[in-house]
Amino acid sequence: MVGTVILVCCIIVLINIPFGYLRDKQAKFSLLWFVAVHTPVFFVIGTKYMFNVSTTLVTLPLFFIAYFLGQYFGGKIKLTQLCTCFKNEF
């Protein structure tokens, strides 16, 4: 059970990274910002359902932390930095 919860948390972080990137590029509280913040909730619920993980007082904080970590990491991604790293390798 613990391994499943950790796996679901990792998937939640990965789901939220692209949405965090989109959220960071929008004006705060705009329609697209709202969509980028709330759309992943449906994917998170589906992931929890797919892995049959219930929400308890122990797992709920873990899921919240994973959700906001994914949003945070996605907001910190700068594609120009990634592109310059790949250009130096080739």
N, C-alpha and C. Protein backbone atom coordinates (compact mmCIF):
# COMPACT_ATOMS: atom_id res chain seq x y z
N MET A 1 0.82 -1.20 0.00
CA MET A 1 0.00 0.00 0.00
C MET A 1 0.86 1.26 0.00
N VAL A 2 1.94 1.26 0.78
CA VAL A 2 2.81 2.43 0.86
C VAL A 2 3.47 2.68 -0.49
N GLY A 3 3.91 1.60 -1.15
CA GLY A 3 4.52 1.74 -2.46
C GLY A 3 3.55 2.30 -3.48
N THR A 4 2.30 1.91 -3.40
CA THR A 4 1.29 2.42 -4.32
C THR A 4 1.04 3.90 -4.09
N VAL A 5 1.01 4.32 -2.83
CA VAL A 5 0.80 5.74 -2.53
C VAL A 5 1.98 6.57 -3.04
N ILE A 6 3.19 6.06 -2.88
CA ILE A 6 4.36 6.78 -3.38
C ILE A 6 4.32 6.87 -4.90
N LEU A 7 3.94 5.76 -5.56
CA LEU A 7 3.82 5.77 -7.02
C LEU A 7 2.77 6.78 -7.48
N VAL A 8 1.63 6.81 -6.82
CA VAL A 8 0.57 7.76 -7.18
C VAL A 8 1.05 9.19 -6.97
N CYS A 9 1.78 9.45 -5.90
CA CYS A 9 2.31 10.80 -5.66
C CYS A 9 3.29 11.21 -6.76
N CYS A 10 4.14 10.28 -7.18
CA CYS A 10 5.06 10.59 -8.29
C CYS A 10 4.31 10.88 -9.59
N ILE A 11 3.28 10.11 -9.85
CA ILE A 11 2.48 10.35 -11.05
C ILE A 11 1.77 11.70 -10.97
N ILE A 12 1.29 12.06 -9.78
CA ILE A 12 0.63 13.36 -9.60
C ILE A 12 1.60 14.50 -9.88
N VAL A 13 2.83 14.36 -9.40
CA VAL A 13 3.84 15.40 -9.68
C VAL A 13 4.07 15.50 -11.19
N LEU A 14 4.23 14.37 -11.86
CA LEU A 14 4.48 14.38 -13.30
C LEU A 14 3.31 14.94 -14.10
N ILE A 15 2.09 14.65 -13.66
CA ILE A 15 0.90 15.18 -14.33
C ILE A 15 0.88 16.70 -14.23
N ASN A 16 1.27 17.24 -13.10
CA ASN A 16 1.14 18.67 -12.84
C ASN A 16 2.26 19.52 -13.42
N ILE A 17 3.37 18.93 -13.81
CA ILE A 17 4.48 19.73 -14.34
C ILE A 17 4.09 20.51 -15.60
N PRO A 18 3.49 19.88 -16.62
CA PRO A 18 3.11 20.69 -17.79
C PRO A 18 2.05 21.75 -17.48
N PHE A 19 1.14 21.43 -16.57
CA PHE A 19 0.11 22.41 -16.20
C PHE A 19 0.72 23.56 -15.40
N GLY A 20 1.72 23.28 -14.59
CA GLY A 20 2.43 24.34 -13.88
C GLY A 20 3.18 25.25 -14.84
N TYR A 21 3.74 24.65 -15.88
CA TYR A 21 4.42 25.45 -16.90
C TYR A 21 3.43 26.38 -17.60
N LEU A 22 2.25 25.85 -17.97
CA LEU A 22 1.23 26.68 -18.61
C LEU A 22 0.70 27.76 -17.66
N ARG A 23 0.53 27.40 -16.41
CA ARG A 23 0.03 28.35 -15.41
C ARG A 23 0.98 29.52 -15.23
N ASP A 24 2.27 29.23 -15.25
CA ASP A 24 3.26 30.27 -15.04
C ASP A 24 3.28 31.29 -16.17
N LYS A 25 2.87 30.90 -17.35
CA LYS A 25 2.90 31.78 -18.51
C LYS A 25 1.64 32.66 -18.63
N GLN A 26 0.66 32.45 -17.77
CA GLN A 26 -0.60 33.18 -17.84
C GLN A 26 -0.68 34.25 -16.75
N ALA A 27 -1.52 35.23 -17.00
CA ALA A 27 -1.78 36.25 -15.98
C ALA A 27 -2.53 35.60 -14.82
N LYS A 28 -2.14 35.98 -13.61
CA LYS A 28 -2.74 35.37 -12.43
C LYS A 28 -4.24 35.63 -12.39
N PHE A 29 -4.99 34.58 -12.09
CA PHE A 29 -6.45 34.58 -11.98
C PHE A 29 -7.16 34.81 -13.32
N SER A 30 -6.47 34.65 -14.44
CA SER A 30 -7.15 34.70 -15.73
C SER A 30 -7.83 33.36 -15.98
N LEU A 31 -8.61 33.28 -17.05
CA LEU A 31 -9.33 32.04 -17.36
C LEU A 31 -8.36 30.89 -17.63
N LEU A 32 -7.31 31.14 -18.42
CA LEU A 32 -6.35 30.08 -18.73
C LEU A 32 -5.55 29.67 -17.49
N TRP A 33 -5.27 30.60 -16.61
CA TRP A 33 -4.60 30.28 -15.36
C TRP A 33 -5.48 29.36 -14.54
N PHE A 34 -6.76 29.69 -14.45
CA PHE A 34 -7.73 28.88 -13.71
C PHE A 34 -7.81 27.47 -14.28
N VAL A 35 -7.84 27.38 -15.60
CA VAL A 35 -7.91 26.06 -16.25
C VAL A 35 -6.64 25.26 -15.97
N ALA A 36 -5.48 25.91 -16.04
CA ALA A 36 -4.21 25.21 -15.80
C ALA A 36 -4.08 24.72 -14.36
N VAL A 37 -4.71 25.40 -13.44
CA VAL A 37 -4.63 25.00 -12.04
C VAL A 37 -5.63 23.87 -11.74
N HIS A 38 -6.82 23.93 -12.33
CA HIS A 38 -7.87 23.01 -11.92
C HIS A 38 -8.07 21.79 -12.82
N THR A 39 -7.60 21.82 -14.04
CA THR A 39 -7.76 20.67 -14.93
C THR A 39 -7.04 19.42 -14.42
N PRO A 40 -5.84 19.53 -13.86
CA PRO A 40 -5.17 18.31 -13.40
C PRO A 40 -5.91 17.58 -12.27
N VAL A 41 -6.83 18.25 -11.61
CA VAL A 41 -7.57 17.60 -10.52
C VAL A 41 -8.29 16.36 -11.04
N PHE A 42 -8.86 16.44 -12.24
CA PHE A 42 -9.57 15.30 -12.81
C PHE A 42 -8.61 14.14 -13.09
N PHE A 43 -7.41 14.46 -13.55
CA PHE A 43 -6.41 13.42 -13.80
C PHE A 43 -5.93 12.80 -12.49
N VAL A 44 -5.82 13.60 -11.46
CA VAL A 44 -5.40 13.09 -10.15
C VAL A 44 -6.46 12.15 -9.60
N ILE A 45 -7.71 12.53 -9.70
CA ILE A 45 -8.80 11.66 -9.22
C ILE A 45 -8.82 10.37 -10.02
N GLY A 46 -8.63 10.46 -11.33
CA GLY A 46 -8.58 9.26 -12.17
C GLY A 46 -7.42 8.36 -11.82
N THR A 47 -6.27 8.95 -11.52
CA THR A 47 -5.10 8.16 -11.14
C THR A 47 -5.34 7.45 -9.82
N LYS A 48 -5.91 8.15 -8.86
CA LYS A 48 -6.22 7.53 -7.57
C LYS A 48 -7.22 6.39 -7.75
N TYR A 49 -8.19 6.59 -8.61
CA TYR A 49 -9.20 5.56 -8.87
C TYR A 49 -8.58 4.36 -9.57
N MET A 50 -7.68 4.63 -10.53
CA MET A 50 -7.05 3.57 -11.30
C MET A 50 -6.18 2.68 -10.40
N PHE A 51 -5.49 3.27 -9.44
CA PHE A 51 -4.64 2.51 -8.53
C PHE A 51 -5.36 2.08 -7.26
N ASN A 52 -6.65 2.41 -7.16
CA ASN A 52 -7.49 2.02 -6.02
C ASN A 52 -6.89 2.50 -4.69
N VAL A 53 -6.52 3.77 -4.67
CA VAL A 53 -5.95 4.38 -3.46
C VAL A 53 -7.03 5.28 -2.85
N SER A 54 -7.35 5.03 -1.60
CA SER A 54 -8.37 5.84 -0.94
C SER A 54 -7.74 7.09 -0.33
N THR A 55 -8.56 8.08 -0.10
CA THR A 55 -8.11 9.31 0.52
C THR A 55 -8.35 9.22 2.02
N THR A 56 -7.27 9.22 2.77
CA THR A 56 -7.35 9.16 4.23
C THR A 56 -6.63 10.38 4.80
N LEU A 57 -6.61 10.49 6.10
CA LEU A 57 -5.93 11.60 6.75
C LEU A 57 -4.42 11.54 6.53
N VAL A 58 -3.91 10.38 6.20
CA VAL A 58 -2.48 10.23 5.94
C VAL A 58 -2.15 10.55 4.48
N THR A 59 -2.97 10.06 3.56
CA THR A 59 -2.66 10.24 2.14
C THR A 59 -3.04 11.61 1.60
N LEU A 60 -4.03 12.24 2.18
CA LEU A 60 -4.49 13.54 1.66
C LEU A 60 -3.39 14.59 1.67
N PRO A 61 -2.64 14.78 2.76
CA PRO A 61 -1.54 15.76 2.72
C PRO A 61 -0.46 15.39 1.70
N LEU A 62 -0.20 14.10 1.54
CA LEU A 62 0.79 13.68 0.55
C LEU A 62 0.35 14.04 -0.87
N PHE A 63 -0.94 13.85 -1.15
CA PHE A 63 -1.45 14.19 -2.48
C PHE A 63 -1.42 15.69 -2.71
N PHE A 64 -1.74 16.47 -1.69
CA PHE A 64 -1.66 17.93 -1.82
C PHE A 64 -0.23 18.39 -2.08
N ILE A 65 0.70 17.84 -1.34
CA ILE A 65 2.11 18.20 -1.53
C ILE A 65 2.57 17.83 -2.92
N ALA A 66 2.21 16.64 -3.38
CA ALA A 66 2.61 16.21 -4.73
C ALA A 66 1.99 17.11 -5.79
N TYR A 67 0.73 17.50 -5.59
CA TYR A 67 0.04 18.36 -6.55
C TYR A 67 0.76 19.71 -6.67
N PHE A 68 1.05 20.32 -5.53
CA PHE A 68 1.65 21.65 -5.57
C PHE A 68 3.13 21.61 -5.94
N LEU A 69 3.82 20.51 -5.65
CA LEU A 69 5.20 20.37 -6.11
C LEU A 69 5.26 20.31 -7.63
N GLY A 70 4.33 19.57 -8.24
CA GLY A 70 4.29 19.51 -9.70
C GLY A 70 4.00 20.87 -10.31
N GLN A 71 3.07 21.62 -9.71
CA GLN A 71 2.78 22.96 -10.19
C GLN A 71 4.00 23.87 -10.03
N TYR A 72 4.69 23.74 -8.92
CA TYR A 72 5.87 24.57 -8.65
C TYR A 72 7.00 24.24 -9.62
N PHE A 73 7.31 22.96 -9.78
CA PHE A 73 8.39 22.57 -10.69
C PHE A 73 8.07 22.97 -12.13
N GLY A 74 6.81 22.83 -12.52
CA GLY A 74 6.41 23.24 -13.86
C GLY A 74 6.58 24.73 -14.08
N GLY A 75 6.30 25.52 -13.05
CA GLY A 75 6.47 26.96 -13.15
C GLY A 75 7.92 27.39 -13.22
N LYS A 76 8.81 26.56 -12.72
CA LYS A 76 10.24 26.89 -12.73
C LYS A 76 10.95 26.49 -14.02
N ILE A 77 10.28 25.73 -14.87
CA ILE A 77 10.92 25.29 -16.12
C ILE A 77 11.04 26.47 -17.07
N LYS A 78 12.21 26.65 -17.59
CA LYS A 78 12.45 27.68 -18.61
C LYS A 78 12.99 26.96 -19.84
N LEU A 79 12.23 26.97 -20.91
CA LEU A 79 12.63 26.24 -22.11
C LEU A 79 13.90 26.80 -22.73
N THR A 80 14.17 28.07 -22.55
CA THR A 80 15.40 28.63 -23.11
C THR A 80 16.62 28.04 -22.42
N GLN A 81 16.52 27.77 -21.14
CA GLN A 81 17.63 27.13 -20.43
C GLN A 81 17.83 25.70 -20.92
N LEU A 82 16.74 24.99 -21.17
CA LEU A 82 16.86 23.63 -21.67
C LEU A 82 17.47 23.61 -23.06
N CYS A 83 17.06 24.54 -23.89
CA CYS A 83 17.58 24.58 -25.26
C CYS A 83 19.07 24.89 -25.27
N THR A 84 19.54 25.80 -24.43
CA THR A 84 20.97 26.12 -24.41
C THR A 84 21.79 24.94 -23.90
N CYS A 85 21.23 24.13 -23.01
CA CYS A 85 21.95 22.96 -22.53
C CYS A 85 22.13 21.95 -23.67
N PHE A 86 21.10 21.77 -24.47
CA PHE A 86 21.18 20.81 -25.55
C PHE A 86 22.08 21.33 -26.69
N LYS A 87 22.10 22.62 -26.90
CA LYS A 87 22.96 23.17 -27.96
C LYS A 87 24.43 22.99 -27.61
N ASN A 88 24.78 23.05 -26.35
CA ASN A 88 26.18 22.89 -25.95
C ASN A 88 26.66 21.46 -26.14
N GLU A 89 25.74 20.49 -26.06
CA GLU A 89 26.14 19.11 -26.19
C GLU A 89 26.41 18.71 -27.64
N PHE A 90 25.76 19.34 -28.56
CA PHE A 90 25.91 18.93 -29.97
C PHE A 90 26.95 19.72 -30.62
